Amino acid sequence: FPEFLTSNTANLALFPMIGLIMGFLSGFLFGPLNNWISRYFERQADQISLELYSQKDDFLSAMAGLANRNLSNAYPSGWVKWLYYSHPPIGERLSFAEEFQYD
């Protein structure tokens, strides 16, 4: 973009606008990817905690207590989860723990 390197102030005034557009696009495009990666690692952490401590009832009561205190939506719609949730919804975590089988 050599036209931005000139001394014309009209061209230089576009830099903040370009920054805003790039910031919006990167957040909109990479935010859901970062959330998915975070949810993946949180599921692994839940599995490891259940395997190591063998206290399914304690895990279930802790997750239910967190949900009650935070007033969280246990079963959000798919697009809300995809766009905003960096952790698995409490409903998924509770279902996973209830179905978890110890080896």
PDB file of N, CA and C in Angstrom:
ATOM      1  N   PHE A   1       0.813  -1.180   0.000  1.00  0.00           N
ATOM      2  CA  PHE A   1       0.000   0.000   0.000  1.00  0.00           C
ATOM      3  C   PHE A   1       0.868   1.260   0.000  1.00  0.00           C
ATOM      4  N   PRO A   2       1.531   1.528  -1.085  1.00  0.00           N
ATOM      5  CA  PRO A   2       2.420   2.700  -1.104  1.00  0.00           C
ATOM      6  C   PRO A   2       1.677   4.017  -0.964  1.00  0.00           C
ATOM      7  N   GLU A   3       0.384   4.056  -1.294  1.00  0.00           N
ATOM      8  CA  GLU A   3      -0.345   5.325  -1.175  1.00  0.00           C
ATOM      9  C   GLU A   3      -0.468   5.785   0.274  1.00  0.00           C
ATOM     10  N   PHE A   4      -0.313   4.855   1.241  1.00  0.00           N
ATOM     11  CA  PHE A   4      -0.381   5.244   2.646  1.00  0.00           C
ATOM     12  C   PHE A   4       0.918   5.866   3.133  1.00  0.00           C
ATOM     13  N   LEU A   5       1.986   5.685   2.379  1.00  0.00           N
ATOM     14  CA  LEU A   5       3.278   6.210   2.802  1.00  0.00           C
ATOM     15  C   LEU A   5       3.510   7.643   2.348  1.00  0.00           C
ATOM     16  N   THR A   6       2.584   8.207   1.646  1.00  0.00           N
ATOM     17  CA  THR A   6       2.726   9.601   1.218  1.00  0.00           C
ATOM     18  C   THR A   6       2.400  10.523   2.383  1.00  0.00           C
ATOM     19  N   SER A   7       2.640  11.789   2.212  1.00  0.00           N
ATOM     20  CA  SER A   7       2.396  12.749   3.291  1.00  0.00           C
ATOM     21  C   SER A   7       0.973  13.290   3.281  1.00  0.00           C
ATOM     22  N   ASN A   8       0.134  12.770   2.440  1.00  0.00           N
ATOM     23  CA  ASN A   8      -1.251  13.228   2.368  1.00  0.00           C
ATOM     24  C   ASN A   8      -1.977  12.838   3.657  1.00  0.00           C
ATOM     25  N   THR A   9      -2.502  13.807   4.371  1.00  0.00           N
ATOM     26  CA  THR A   9      -3.147  13.515   5.653  1.00  0.00           C
ATOM     27  C   THR A   9      -4.445  12.740   5.488  1.00  0.00           C
ATOM     28  N   ALA A  10      -5.095  12.827   4.342  1.00  0.00           N
ATOM     29  CA  ALA A  10      -6.322  12.053   4.120  1.00  0.00           C
ATOM     30  C   ALA A  10      -6.004  10.566   4.118  1.00  0.00           C
ATOM     31  N   ASN A  11      -4.878  10.193   3.548  1.00  0.00           N
ATOM     32  CA  ASN A  11      -4.490   8.783   3.550  1.00  0.00           C
ATOM     33  C   ASN A  11      -4.115   8.324   4.956  1.00  0.00           C
ATOM     34  N   LEU A  12      -3.421   9.161   5.692  1.00  0.00           N
ATOM     35  CA  LEU A  12      -3.021   8.791   7.048  1.00  0.00           C
ATOM     36  C   LEU A  12      -4.225   8.662   7.976  1.00  0.00           C
ATOM     37  N   ALA A  13      -5.270   9.381   7.690  1.00  0.00           N
ATOM     38  CA  ALA A  13      -6.468   9.309   8.526  1.00  0.00           C
ATOM     39  C   ALA A  13      -7.178   7.968   8.386  1.00  0.00           C
ATOM     40  N   LEU A  14      -6.844   7.200   7.371  1.00  0.00           N
ATOM     41  CA  LEU A  14      -7.464   5.891   7.185  1.00  0.00           C
ATOM     42  C   LEU A  14      -6.866   4.824   8.100  1.00  0.00           C
ATOM     43  N   PHE A  15      -5.679   5.055   8.656  1.00  0.00           N
ATOM     44  CA  PHE A  15      -5.046   4.043   9.498  1.00  0.00           C
ATOM     45  C   PHE A  15      -5.912   3.617  10.685  1.00  0.00           C
ATOM     46  N   PRO A  16      -6.511   4.519  11.439  1.00  0.00           N
ATOM     47  CA  PRO A  16      -7.380   4.060  12.533  1.00  0.00           C
ATOM     48  C   PRO A  16      -8.567   3.237  12.037  1.00  0.00           C
ATOM     49  N   MET A  17      -9.139   3.619  10.916  1.00  0.00           N
ATOM     50  CA  MET A  17     -10.274   2.862  10.374  1.00  0.00           C
ATOM     51  C   MET A  17      -9.832   1.459   9.959  1.00  0.00           C
ATOM     52  N   ILE A  18      -8.696   1.367   9.323  1.00  0.00           N
ATOM     53  CA  ILE A  18      -8.178   0.052   8.922  1.00  0.00           C
ATOM     54  C   ILE A  18      -7.896  -0.791  10.161  1.00  0.00           C
ATOM     55  N   GLY A  19      -7.343  -0.174  11.202  1.00  0.00           N
ATOM     56  CA  GLY A  19      -7.094  -0.898  12.446  1.00  0.00           C
ATOM     57  C   GLY A  19      -8.373  -1.408  13.081  1.00  0.00           C
ATOM     58  N   LEU A  20      -9.406  -0.589  13.079  1.00  0.00           N
ATOM     59  CA  LEU A  20     -10.690  -1.022  13.638  1.00  0.00           C
ATOM     60  C   LEU A  20     -11.284  -2.180  12.847  1.00  0.00           C
ATOM     61  N   ILE A  21     -11.220  -2.089  11.541  1.00  0.00           N
ATOM     62  CA  ILE A  21     -11.765  -3.157  10.695  1.00  0.00           C
ATOM     63  C   ILE A  21     -10.985  -4.449  10.898  1.00  0.00           C
ATOM     64  N   MET A  22      -9.663  -4.353  10.925  1.00  0.00           N
ATOM     65  CA  MET A  22      -8.842  -5.556  11.113  1.00  0.00           C
ATOM     66  C   MET A  22      -9.072  -6.157  12.502  1.00  0.00           C
ATOM     67  N   GLY A  23      -9.207  -5.305  13.512  1.00  0.00           N
ATOM     68  CA  GLY A  23      -9.473  -5.801  14.857  1.00  0.00           C
ATOM     69  C   GLY A  23     -10.811  -6.506  14.953  1.00  0.00           C
ATOM     70  N   PHE A  24     -11.825  -5.937  14.327  1.00  0.00           N
ATOM     71  CA  PHE A  24     -13.148  -6.563  14.335  1.00  0.00           C
ATOM     72  C   PHE A  24     -13.110  -7.908  13.620  1.00  0.00           C
ATOM     73  N   LEU A  25     -12.488  -7.937  12.446  1.00  0.00           N
ATOM     74  CA  LEU A  25     -12.440  -9.182  11.686  1.00  0.00           C
ATOM     75  C   LEU A  25     -11.639 -10.256  12.402  1.00  0.00           C
ATOM     76  N   SER A  26     -10.517  -9.886  12.993  1.00  0.00           N
ATOM     77  CA  SER A  26      -9.720 -10.899  13.679  1.00  0.00           C
ATOM     78  C   SER A  26     -10.455 -11.420  14.907  1.00  0.00           C
ATOM     79  N   GLY A  27     -11.153 -10.558  15.637  1.00  0.00           N
ATOM     80  CA  GLY A  27     -11.920 -11.018  16.784  1.00  0.00           C
ATOM     81  C   GLY A  27     -13.087 -11.890  16.381  1.00  0.00           C
ATOM     82  N   PHE A  28     -13.757 -11.520  15.322  1.00  0.00           N
ATOM     83  CA  PHE A  28     -14.910 -12.285  14.861  1.00  0.00           C
ATOM     84  C   PHE A  28     -14.491 -13.624  14.268  1.00  0.00           C
ATOM     85  N   LEU A  29     -13.349 -13.651  13.579  1.00  0.00           N
ATOM     86  CA  LEU A  29     -12.903 -14.887  12.950  1.00  0.00           C
ATOM     87  C   LEU A  29     -12.150 -15.796  13.916  1.00  0.00           C
ATOM     88  N   PHE A  30     -11.284 -15.216  14.743  1.00  0.00           N
ATOM     89  CA  PHE A  30     -10.449 -16.042  15.603  1.00  0.00           C
ATOM     90  C   PHE A  30     -11.044 -16.261  16.985  1.00  0.00           C
ATOM     91  N   GLY A  31     -12.014 -15.459  17.390  1.00  0.00           N
ATOM     92  CA  GLY A  31     -12.647 -15.645  18.689  1.00  0.00           C
ATOM     93  C   GLY A  31     -13.297 -17.012  18.839  1.00  0.00           C
ATOM     94  N   PRO A  32     -14.142 -17.432  17.898  1.00  0.00           N
ATOM     95  CA  PRO A  32     -14.739 -18.765  18.008  1.00  0.00           C
ATOM     96  C   PRO A  32     -13.707 -19.892  17.979  1.00  0.00           C
ATOM     97  N   LEU A  33     -12.635 -19.718  17.217  1.00  0.00           N
ATOM     98  CA  LEU A  33     -11.579 -20.736  17.195  1.00  0.00           C
ATOM     99  C   LEU A  33     -10.903 -20.826  18.560  1.00  0.00           C
ATOM    100  N   ASN A  34     -10.587 -19.691  19.156  1.00  0.00           N
ATOM    101  CA  ASN A  34      -9.985 -19.688  20.493  1.00  0.00           C
ATOM    102  C   ASN A  34     -10.931 -20.291  21.519  1.00  0.00           C
ATOM    103  N   ASN A  35     -12.217 -20.000  21.414  1.00  0.00           N
ATOM    104  CA  ASN A  35     -13.197 -20.580  22.334  1.00  0.00           C
ATOM    105  C   ASN A  35     -13.265 -22.091  22.181  1.00  0.00           C
ATOM    106  N   TRP A  36     -13.222 -22.583  20.944  1.00  0.00           N
ATOM    107  CA  TRP A  36     -13.273 -24.027  20.716  1.00  0.00           C
ATOM    108  C   TRP A  36     -12.057 -24.713  21.336  1.00  0.00           C
ATOM    109  N   ILE A  37     -10.884 -24.127  21.148  1.00  0.00           N
ATOM    110  CA  ILE A  37      -9.661 -24.697  21.726  1.00  0.00           C
ATOM    111  C   ILE A  37      -9.759 -24.706  23.247  1.00  0.00           C
ATOM    112  N   SER A  38     -10.239 -23.633  23.829  1.00  0.00           N
ATOM    113  CA  SER A  38     -10.391 -23.558  25.279  1.00  0.00           C
ATOM    114  C   SER A  38     -11.382 -24.603  25.787  1.00  0.00           C
ATOM    115  N   ARG A  39     -12.510 -24.774  25.091  1.00  0.00           N
ATOM    116  CA  ARG A  39     -13.488 -25.798  25.498  1.00  0.00           C
ATOM    117  C   ARG A  39     -12.885 -27.195  25.407  1.00  0.00           C
ATOM    118  N   TYR A  40     -12.072 -27.433  24.395  1.00  0.00           N
ATOM    119  CA  TYR A  40     -11.415 -28.736  24.235  1.00  0.00           C
ATOM    120  C   TYR A  40     -10.526 -29.038  25.446  1.00  0.00           C
ATOM    121  N   PHE A  41      -9.708 -28.069  25.844  1.00  0.00           N
ATOM    122  CA  PHE A  41      -8.823 -28.281  26.986  1.00  0.00           C
ATOM    123  C   PHE A  41      -9.600 -28.385  28.292  1.00  0.00           C
ATOM    124  N   GLU A  42     -10.693 -27.669  28.421  1.00  0.00           N
ATOM    125  CA  GLU A  42     -11.513 -27.769  29.625  1.00  0.00           C
ATOM    126  C   GLU A  42     -12.156 -29.151  29.741  1.00  0.00           C
ATOM    127  N   ARG A  43     -12.571 -29.730  28.615  1.00  0.00           N
ATOM    128  CA  ARG A  43     -13.120 -31.093  28.650  1.00  0.00           C
ATOM    129  C   ARG A  43     -12.053 -32.079  29.109  1.00  0.00           C
ATOM    130  N   GLN A  44     -10.824 -31.892  28.615  1.00  0.00           N
ATOM    131  CA  GLN A  44      -9.731 -32.758  29.052  1.00  0.00           C
ATOM    132  C   GLN A  44      -9.464 -32.589  30.546  1.00  0.00           C
ATOM    133  N   ALA A  45      -9.524 -31.359  31.032  1.00  0.00           N
ATOM    134  CA  ALA A  45      -9.305 -31.108  32.458  1.00  0.00           C
ATOM    135  C   ALA A  45     -10.396 -31.772  33.296  1.00  0.00           C
ATOM    136  N   ASP A  46     -11.629 -31.717  32.833  1.00  0.00           N
ATOM    137  CA  ASP A  46     -12.716 -32.391  33.551  1.00  0.00           C
ATOM    138  C   ASP A  46     -12.473 -33.893  33.602  1.00  0.00           C
ATOM    139  N   GLN A  47     -12.069 -34.460  32.480  1.00  0.00           N
ATOM    140  CA  GLN A  47     -11.817 -35.904  32.433  1.00  0.00           C
ATOM    141  C   GLN A  47     -10.680 -36.288  33.371  1.00  0.00           C
ATOM    142  N   ILE A  48      -9.616 -35.524  33.367  1.00  0.00           N
ATOM    143  CA  ILE A  48      -8.478 -35.836  34.235  1.00  0.00           C
ATOM    144  C   ILE A  48      -8.864 -35.700  35.702  1.00  0.00           C
ATOM    145  N   SER A  49      -9.636 -34.692  36.039  1.00  0.00           N
ATOM    146  CA  SER A  49     -10.041 -34.535  37.440  1.00  0.00           C
ATOM    147  C   SER A  49     -10.921 -35.697  37.885  1.00  0.00           C
ATOM    148  N   LEU A  50     -11.797 -36.165  37.012  1.00  0.00           N
ATOM    149  CA  LEU A  50     -12.628 -37.316  37.371  1.00  0.00           C
ATOM    150  C   LEU A  50     -11.790 -38.582  37.490  1.00  0.00           C
ATOM    151  N   GLU A  51     -10.800 -38.750  36.621  1.00  0.00           N
ATOM    152  CA  GLU A  51      -9.945 -39.936  36.686  1.00  0.00           C
ATOM    153  C   GLU A  51      -9.065 -39.936  37.930  1.00  0.00           C
ATOM    154  N   LEU A  52      -8.497 -38.795  38.272  1.00  0.00           N
ATOM    155  CA  LEU A  52      -7.544 -38.736  39.377  1.00  0.00           C
ATOM    156  C   LEU A  52      -8.208 -38.820  40.740  1.00  0.00           C
ATOM    157  N   TYR A  53      -9.340 -38.161  40.913  1.00  0.00           N
ATOM    158  CA  TYR A  53      -9.917 -38.045  42.243  1.00  0.00           C
ATOM    159  C   TYR A  53     -11.065 -38.997  42.503  1.00  0.00           C
ATOM    160  N   SER A  54     -11.611 -39.608  41.479  1.00  0.00           N
ATOM    161  CA  SER A  54     -12.667 -40.619  41.622  1.00  0.00           C
ATOM    162  C   SER A  54     -13.815 -40.146  42.511  1.00  0.00           C
ATOM    163  N   GLN A  55     -14.129 -38.878  42.451  1.00  0.00           N
ATOM    164  CA  GLN A  55     -15.210 -38.318  43.264  1.00  0.00           C
ATOM    165  C   GLN A  55     -16.252 -37.687  42.351  1.00  0.00           C
ATOM    166  N   LYS A  56     -17.003 -38.528  41.680  1.00  0.00           N
ATOM    167  CA  LYS A  56     -17.991 -38.033  40.728  1.00  0.00           C
ATOM    168  C   LYS A  56     -19.049 -37.166  41.405  1.00  0.00           C
ATOM    169  N   ASP A  57     -19.496 -37.578  42.587  1.00  0.00           N
ATOM    170  CA  ASP A  57     -20.533 -36.812  43.287  1.00  0.00           C
ATOM    171  C   ASP A  57     -20.040 -35.423  43.682  1.00  0.00           C
ATOM    172  N   ASP A  58     -18.781 -35.338  44.112  1.00  0.00           N
ATOM    173  CA  ASP A  58     -18.228 -34.026  44.463  1.00  0.00           C
ATOM    174  C   ASP A  58     -18.119 -33.133  43.236  1.00  0.00           C
ATOM    175  N   PHE A  59     -17.712 -33.713  42.122  1.00  0.00           N
ATOM    176  CA  PHE A  59     -17.608 -32.945  40.876  1.00  0.00           C
ATOM    177  C   PHE A  59     -18.983 -32.434  40.458  1.00  0.00           C
ATOM    178  N   LEU A  60     -19.981 -33.310  40.514  1.00  0.00           N
ATOM    179  CA  LEU A  60     -21.337 -32.912  40.132  1.00  0.00           C
ATOM    180  C   LEU A  60     -21.884 -31.811  41.038  1.00  0.00           C
ATOM    181  N   SER A  61     -21.652 -31.933  42.337  1.00  0.00           N
ATOM    182  CA  SER A  61     -22.165 -30.900  43.247  1.00  0.00           C
ATOM    183  C   SER A  61     -21.412 -29.585  43.066  1.00  0.00           C
ATOM    184  N   ALA A  62     -20.112 -29.648  42.771  1.00  0.00           N
ATOM    185  CA  ALA A  62     -19.346 -28.420  42.533  1.00  0.00           C
ATOM    186  C   ALA A  62     -19.842 -27.712  41.274  1.00  0.00           C
ATOM    187  N   MET A  63     -20.065 -28.461  40.212  1.00  0.00           N
ATOM    188  CA  MET A  63     -20.548 -27.858  38.966  1.00  0.00           C
ATOM    189  C   MET A  63     -21.961 -27.292  39.133  1.00  0.00           C
ATOM    190  N   ALA A  64     -22.813 -28.022  39.846  1.00  0.00           N
ATOM    191  CA  ALA A  64     -24.177 -27.524  40.085  1.00  0.00           C
ATOM    192  C   ALA A  64     -24.142 -26.264  40.946  1.00  0.00           C
ATOM    193  N   GLY A  65     -23.260 -26.231  41.943  1.00  0.00           N
ATOM    194  CA  GLY A  65     -23.126 -25.038  42.774  1.00  0.00           C
ATOM    195  C   GLY A  65     -22.630 -23.841  41.982  1.00  0.00           C
ATOM    196  N   LEU A  66     -21.659 -24.071  41.089  1.00  0.00           N
ATOM    197  CA  LEU A  66     -21.181 -22.986  40.229  1.00  0.00           C
ATOM    198  C   LEU A  66     -22.297 -22.456  39.338  1.00  0.00           C
ATOM    199  N   ALA A  67     -23.077 -23.373  38.796  1.00  0.00           N
ATOM    200  CA  ALA A  67     -24.171 -22.954  37.912  1.00  0.00           C
ATOM    201  C   ALA A  67     -25.194 -22.116  38.670  1.00  0.00           C
ATOM    202  N   ASN A  68     -25.502 -22.518  39.893  1.00  0.00           N
ATOM    203  CA  ASN A  68     -26.480 -21.760  40.684  1.00  0.00           C
ATOM    204  C   ASN A  68     -25.955 -20.389  41.082  1.00  0.00           C
ATOM    205  N   ARG A  69     -24.693 -20.336  41.498  1.00  0.00           N
ATOM    206  CA  ARG A  69     -24.120 -19.050  41.916  1.00  0.00           C
ATOM    207  C   ARG A  69     -23.947 -18.096  40.744  1.00  0.00           C
ATOM    208  N   ASN A  70     -23.547 -18.631  39.591  1.00  0.00           N
ATOM    209  CA  ASN A  70     -23.295 -17.782  38.425  1.00  0.00           C
ATOM    210  C   ASN A  70     -24.544 -17.507  37.604  1.00  0.00           C
ATOM    211  N   LEU A  71     -25.641 -18.167  37.932  1.00  0.00           N
ATOM    212  CA  LEU A  71     -26.886 -18.036  37.164  1.00  0.00           C
ATOM    213  C   LEU A  71     -26.642 -18.300  35.684  1.00  0.00           C
ATOM    214  N   SER A  72     -25.825 -19.315  35.419  1.00  0.00           N
ATOM    215  CA  SER A  72     -25.458 -19.597  34.030  1.00  0.00           C
ATOM    216  C   SER A  72     -26.532 -20.402  33.319  1.00  0.00           C
ATOM    217  N   ASN A  73     -26.525 -20.274  32.014  1.00  0.00           N
ATOM    218  CA  ASN A  73     -27.428 -21.036  31.158  1.00  0.00           C
ATOM    219  C   ASN A  73     -26.814 -22.415  30.964  1.00  0.00           C
ATOM    220  N   ALA A  74     -27.465 -23.440  31.471  1.00  0.00           N
ATOM    221  CA  ALA A  74     -26.899 -24.784  31.406  1.00  0.00           C
ATOM    222  C   ALA A  74     -26.910 -25.351  29.996  1.00  0.00           C
ATOM    223  N   TYR A  75     -27.858 -24.949  29.185  1.00  0.00           N
ATOM    224  CA  TYR A  75     -27.975 -25.474  27.823  1.00  0.00           C
ATOM    225  C   TYR A  75     -28.192 -24.330  26.833  1.00  0.00           C
ATOM    226  N   PRO A  76     -27.129 -23.584  26.513  1.00  0.00           N
ATOM    227  CA  PRO A  76     -27.285 -22.481  25.551  1.00  0.00           C
ATOM    228  C   PRO A  76     -27.464 -23.017  24.142  1.00  0.00           C
ATOM    229  N   SER A  77     -27.961 -22.175  23.265  1.00  0.00           N
ATOM    230  CA  SER A  77     -28.090 -22.596  21.868  1.00  0.00           C
ATOM    231  C   SER A  77     -26.697 -22.782  21.270  1.00  0.00           C
ATOM    232  N   GLY A  78     -26.641 -23.512  20.189  1.00  0.00           N
ATOM    233  CA  GLY A  78     -25.360 -23.850  19.575  1.00  0.00           C
ATOM    234  C   GLY A  78     -24.553 -22.648  19.135  1.00  0.00           C
ATOM    235  N   TRP A  79     -25.211 -21.658  18.551  1.00  0.00           N
ATOM    236  CA  TRP A  79     -24.450 -20.515  18.053  1.00  0.00           C
ATOM    237  C   TRP A  79     -23.954 -19.639  19.189  1.00  0.00           C
ATOM    238  N   VAL A  80     -24.693 -19.574  20.297  1.00  0.00           N
ATOM    239  CA  VAL A  80     -24.226 -18.807  21.453  1.00  0.00           C
ATOM    240  C   VAL A  80     -22.995 -19.482  22.047  1.00  0.00           C
ATOM    241  N   LYS A  81     -23.055 -20.795  22.165  1.00  0.00           N
ATOM    242  CA  LYS A  81     -21.904 -21.542  22.672  1.00  0.00           C
ATOM    243  C   LYS A  81     -20.708 -21.365  21.748  1.00  0.00           C
ATOM    244  N   TRP A  82     -20.921 -21.480  20.463  1.00  0.00           N
ATOM    245  CA  TRP A  82     -19.838 -21.368  19.487  1.00  0.00           C
ATOM    246  C   TRP A  82     -19.194 -19.990  19.515  1.00  0.00           C
ATOM    247  N   LEU A  83     -20.007 -18.969  19.671  1.00  0.00           N
ATOM    248  CA  LEU A  83     -19.503 -17.602  19.562  1.00  0.00           C
ATOM    249  C   LEU A  83     -18.946 -17.059  20.877  1.00  0.00           C
ATOM    250  N   TYR A  84     -19.546 -17.431  22.024  1.00  0.00           N
ATOM    251  CA  TYR A  84     -19.207 -16.756  23.274  1.00  0.00           C
ATOM    252  C   TYR A  84     -18.592 -17.632  24.359  1.00  0.00           C
ATOM    253  N   TYR A  85     -18.840 -18.925  24.372  1.00  0.00           N
ATOM    254  CA  TYR A  85     -18.443 -19.751  25.511  1.00  0.00           C
ATOM    255  C   TYR A  85     -17.012 -20.251  25.374  1.00  0.00           C
ATOM    256  N   SER A  86     -16.169 -19.893  26.345  1.00  0.00           N
ATOM    257  CA  SER A  86     -14.799 -20.388  26.363  1.00  0.00           C
ATOM    258  C   SER A  86     -14.685 -21.655  27.210  1.00  0.00           C
ATOM    259  N   HIS A  87     -15.735 -22.007  27.920  1.00  0.00           N
ATOM    260  CA  HIS A  87     -15.791 -23.238  28.705  1.00  0.00           C
ATOM    261  C   HIS A  87     -17.031 -24.013  28.271  1.00  0.00           C
ATOM    262  N   PRO A  88     -16.996 -25.340  28.422  1.00  0.00           N
ATOM    263  CA  PRO A  88     -18.208 -26.099  28.095  1.00  0.00           C
ATOM    264  C   PRO A  88     -19.358 -25.655  29.000  1.00  0.00           C
ATOM    265  N   PRO A  89     -20.564 -25.607  28.469  1.00  0.00           N
ATOM    266  CA  PRO A  89     -21.710 -25.257  29.318  1.00  0.00           C
ATOM    267  C   PRO A  89     -21.862 -26.257  30.460  1.00  0.00           C
ATOM    268  N   ILE A  90     -22.402 -25.791  31.560  1.00  0.00           N
ATOM    269  CA  ILE A  90     -22.546 -26.631  32.749  1.00  0.00           C
ATOM    270  C   ILE A  90     -23.349 -27.890  32.443  1.00  0.00           C
ATOM    271  N   GLY A  91     -24.363 -27.777  31.612  1.00  0.00           N
ATOM    272  CA  GLY A  91     -25.161 -28.953  31.263  1.00  0.00           C
ATOM    273  C   GLY A  91     -24.324 -30.034  30.601  1.00  0.00           C
ATOM    274  N   GLU A  92     -23.431 -29.645  29.704  1.00  0.00           N
ATOM    275  CA  GLU A  92     -22.543 -30.620  29.058  1.00  0.00           C
ATOM    276  C   GLU A  92     -21.575 -31.223  30.067  1.00  0.00           C
ATOM    277  N   ARG A  93     -21.073 -30.405  30.967  1.00  0.00           N
ATOM    278  CA  ARG A  93     -20.123 -30.912  31.959  1.00  0.00           C
ATOM    279  C   ARG A  93     -20.802 -31.895  32.910  1.00  0.00           C
ATOM    280  N   LEU A  94     -22.036 -31.582  33.296  1.00  0.00           N
ATOM    281  CA  LEU A  94     -22.767 -32.495  34.177  1.00  0.00           C
ATOM    282  C   LEU A  94     -23.094 -33.799  33.467  1.00  0.00           C
ATOM    283  N   SER A  95     -23.512 -33.726  32.213  1.00  0.00           N
ATOM    284  CA  SER A  95     -23.812 -34.937  31.443  1.00  0.00           C
ATOM    285  C   SER A  95     -22.564 -35.787  31.268  1.00  0.00           C
ATOM    286  N   PHE A  96     -21.438 -35.136  30.980  1.00  0.00           N
ATOM    287  CA  PHE A  96     -20.183 -35.871  30.820  1.00  0.00           C
ATOM    288  C   PHE A  96     -19.808 -36.589  32.110  1.00  0.00           C
ATOM    289  N   ALA A  97     -19.937 -35.907  33.240  1.00  0.00           N
ATOM    290  CA  ALA A  97     -19.572 -36.518  34.517  1.00  0.00           C
ATOM    291  C   ALA A  97     -20.505 -37.668  34.872  1.00  0.00           C
ATOM    292  N   GLU A  98     -21.791 -37.515  34.589  1.00  0.00           N
ATOM    293  CA  GLU A  98     -22.734 -38.595  34.902  1.00  0.00           C
ATOM    294  C   GLU A  98     -22.472 -39.832  34.059  1.00  0.00           C
ATOM    295  N   GLU A  99     -22.046 -39.639  32.810  1.00  0.00           N
ATOM    296  CA  GLU A  99     -21.791 -40.766  31.914  1.00  0.00           C
ATOM    297  C   GLU A  99     -20.370 -41.306  32.030  1.00  0.00           C
ATOM    298  N   PHE A 100     -19.515 -40.639  32.798  1.00  0.00           N
ATOM    299  CA  PHE A 100     -18.113 -41.034  32.899  1.00  0.00           C
ATOM    300  C   PHE A 100     -17.990 -42.390  33.571  1.00  0.00           C
ATOM    301  N   GLN A 101     -17.191 -43.261  32.975  1.00  0.00           N
ATOM    302  CA  GLN A 101     -16.945 -44.596  33.517  1.00  0.00           C
ATOM    303  C   GLN A 101     -15.500 -44.688  33.985  1.00  0.00           C
ATOM    304  N   TYR A 102     -15.313 -45.103  35.219  1.00  0.00           N
ATOM    305  CA  TYR A 102     -13.961 -45.291  35.742  1.00  0.00           C
ATOM    306  C   TYR A 102     -13.406 -46.604  35.220  1.00  0.00           C
ATOM    307  N   ASP A 103     -12.117 -46.601  34.927  1.00  0.00           N
ATOM    308  CA  ASP A 103     -11.474 -47.838  34.436  1.00  0.00           C
ATOM    309  C   ASP A 103     -11.092 -48.749  35.563  1.00  0.00           C
TER     310      ASP A 103
END
